[in-house]
């Protein structure tokens, strides 16, 4: 079975993620390496992977018209800010709360 490494672009569907797989191919005439990317739909049974995560996908039997891959394992988690998590500063106030407090009145 084939395995590919890619980055999750979308996780808005139920039990499905869209994974972008990048590949370098050498141009036949000019010899320059060109980045080729394609998007594949992969099965995510527990909806545990989010956009920005780097995952390993594995080929499987057709699960639907376009879904023939499943997520095998997580390689790297995306940074927390992309997943909607907020970081607090020294006083314990989140960035969103600080913006409401320091908003100028004009």
Foldseek 3Di string as FASTA:
>chain_A
DDKFKFFFAALPDPQKTKTKGWDWDADPPPRDTDIDIDIAIAGRNPSPAHGGWIFMKDAAPDPDPGYGIYTDGTDGHGDPVVVPDFDADPVRDTPVRVCVVPPDDD
